[in-house]
Amino acid sequence: MAHLAMATGFLLILVGFYGALTNRNILRMIVAFSIADTGVNIVIVAVGYMRGRSAPILDSTVSAADALARIIDPVPQALVLTAIVIGVGVTALMLAYAYKLYEKKRSLDIAKFTELKW
């Protein structure tokens, strides 16, 4: 199961990078970056998965020594939650820039933005 999730994550990363590099429309590039970001999150979760283990919730019925052998490290899930929040913020910032660029040039084609070329 973890191999399938990891392969799916890497496939999403590749599709996202391909879309970002081949599209000329800014909105399509933003969607492609979001797809690649989702793939990275899936890969991180797949790396942290361990078969037969459960969430790190301790109560009085479980001893500490027994719990260490049965729980999953929660750090990858915490990193993914943080990465999701950062990804949403970056996507919102990219969309705001795209909106302002559209207001200025009335186009979302990156070939129209040549003022900063050397």
Protein backbone atom coordinates (compact mmCIF):
# COMPACT_ATOMS: atom_id res chain seq x y z
CA MET A 1 0.00 0.00 0.00
CA ALA A 2 2.80 2.42 0.84
CA HIS A 3 4.51 1.69 -2.47
CA LEU A 4 1.35 2.53 -4.37
CA ALA A 5 0.97 5.80 -2.48
CA MET A 6 4.62 6.67 -3.07
CA ALA A 7 4.38 5.88 -6.78
CA THR A 8 1.21 7.98 -7.04
CA GLY A 9 2.94 10.85 -5.24
CA PHE A 10 5.95 10.76 -7.57
CA LEU A 11 3.63 10.56 -10.59
CA LEU A 12 1.76 13.65 -9.38
CA ILE A 13 5.06 15.48 -8.87
CA LEU A 14 6.16 14.65 -12.41
CA VAL A 15 2.79 15.63 -13.91
CA GLY A 16 2.87 18.90 -11.98
CA PHE A 17 6.38 19.80 -13.08
CA TYR A 18 5.60 18.85 -16.68
CA GLY A 19 2.51 21.04 -16.63
CA ALA A 20 4.38 23.96 -15.07
CA LEU A 21 7.17 23.77 -17.65
CA THR A 22 5.06 23.28 -20.77
CA ASN A 23 2.10 25.63 -20.22
CA ARG A 24 2.21 29.29 -21.13
CA ASN A 25 -0.96 30.21 -19.26
CA ILE A 26 -0.26 31.43 -15.74
CA LEU A 27 -3.39 29.86 -14.23
CA ARG A 28 -2.50 26.46 -15.66
CA MET A 29 0.99 26.83 -14.23
CA ILE A 30 -0.48 27.57 -10.79
CA VAL A 31 -2.69 24.47 -11.00
CA ALA A 32 0.35 22.41 -12.04
CA PHE A 33 2.34 23.65 -9.05
CA SER A 34 -0.57 22.73 -6.77
CA ILE A 35 -0.62 19.22 -8.25
CA ALA A 36 3.12 18.86 -7.62
CA ASP A 37 2.63 20.12 -4.05
CA THR A 38 -0.05 17.49 -3.47
CA GLY A 39 2.33 14.82 -4.77
CA VAL A 40 5.02 15.92 -2.33
CA ASN A 41 2.54 15.67 0.54
CA ILE A 42 1.51 12.15 -0.50
CA VAL A 43 5.16 11.05 -0.68
CA ILE A 44 5.87 12.40 2.82
CA VAL A 45 2.86 10.57 4.26
CA ALA A 46 3.88 7.36 2.45
CA VAL A 47 7.40 7.58 3.88
CA GLY A 48 6.01 7.91 7.41
CA TYR A 49 3.59 4.97 7.07
CA MET A 50 4.39 1.80 9.03
CA ARG A 51 2.23 -1.30 8.64
CA GLY A 52 0.52 -2.60 11.77
CA ARG A 53 1.00 0.49 13.91
CA SER A 54 -1.57 2.90 15.26
CA ALA A 55 -1.89 6.57 16.18
CA PRO A 56 0.23 7.82 19.10
CA ILE A 57 -2.61 8.08 21.59
CA LEU A 58 -1.60 6.85 25.02
CA ASP A 59 -3.99 6.05 27.84
CA SER A 60 -3.77 4.25 31.16
CA THR A 61 -4.40 0.78 29.69
CA VAL A 62 -1.25 0.81 27.54
CA SER A 63 2.21 0.61 29.07
CA ALA A 64 4.93 2.90 27.75
CA ALA A 65 7.16 0.04 26.59
CA ASP A 66 4.31 -1.62 24.71
CA ALA A 67 3.27 1.68 23.17
CA LEU A 68 6.70 2.33 21.66
CA ALA A 69 6.42 -0.83 19.60
CA ARG A 70 2.90 -0.06 18.36
CA ILE A 71 2.74 3.65 17.55
CA ILE A 72 3.63 5.65 14.47
CA ASP A 73 5.87 8.70 14.54
CA PRO A 74 3.52 11.70 14.19
CA VAL A 75 6.18 14.04 12.75
CA PRO A 76 5.50 13.26 9.04
CA GLN A 77 1.79 13.96 9.51
CA ALA A 78 2.57 17.21 11.30
CA LEU A 79 4.95 18.21 8.50
CA VAL A 80 2.28 17.48 5.89
CA LEU A 81 -0.31 19.55 7.77
CA THR A 82 2.14 22.42 7.86
CA ALA A 83 2.99 21.95 4.19
CA ILE A 84 -0.71 22.00 3.25
CA VAL A 85 -1.21 25.32 5.02
CA ILE A 86 1.91 26.80 3.41
CA GLY A 87 0.85 25.44 0.01
CA VAL A 88 -2.56 27.09 0.27
CA GLY A 89 -0.90 30.38 1.20
CA VAL A 90 1.55 30.20 -1.70
CA THR A 91 -1.25 29.30 -4.11
CA ALA A 92 -3.31 32.26 -2.89
CA LEU A 93 -0.31 34.55 -3.38
CA MET A 94 0.29 33.22 -6.90
CA LEU A 95 -3.38 33.72 -7.76
CA ALA A 96 -3.26 37.29 -6.44
CA TYR A 97 -0.21 38.00 -8.62
CA ALA A 98 -1.93 36.44 -11.62
CA TYR A 99 -4.99 38.62 -11.03
CA LYS A 100 -2.86 41.78 -10.87
CA LEU A 101 -0.94 40.76 -13.99
CA TYR A 102 -4.22 40.21 -15.80
CA GLU A 103 -5.47 43.63 -14.70
CA LYS A 104 -2.28 45.21 -16.02
CA LYS A 105 -1.84 43.39 -19.36
CA ARG A 106 -5.28 41.81 -20.01
CA SER A 107 -3.55 38.52 -20.72
CA LEU A 108 -2.36 35.48 -18.79
CA ASP A 109 0.14 34.35 -21.44
CA ILE A 110 3.68 34.56 -20.06
CA ALA A 111 5.02 35.55 -23.49
CA LYS A 112 3.28 38.93 -23.08
CA PHE A 113 5.35 39.81 -20.02
CA THR A 114 8.69 40.74 -21.57
CA GLU A 115 9.57 43.94 -19.70
CA LEU A 116 12.04 42.21 -17.40
CA LYS A 117 13.89 40.35 -20.16
CA TRP A 118 17.50 41.34 -20.75
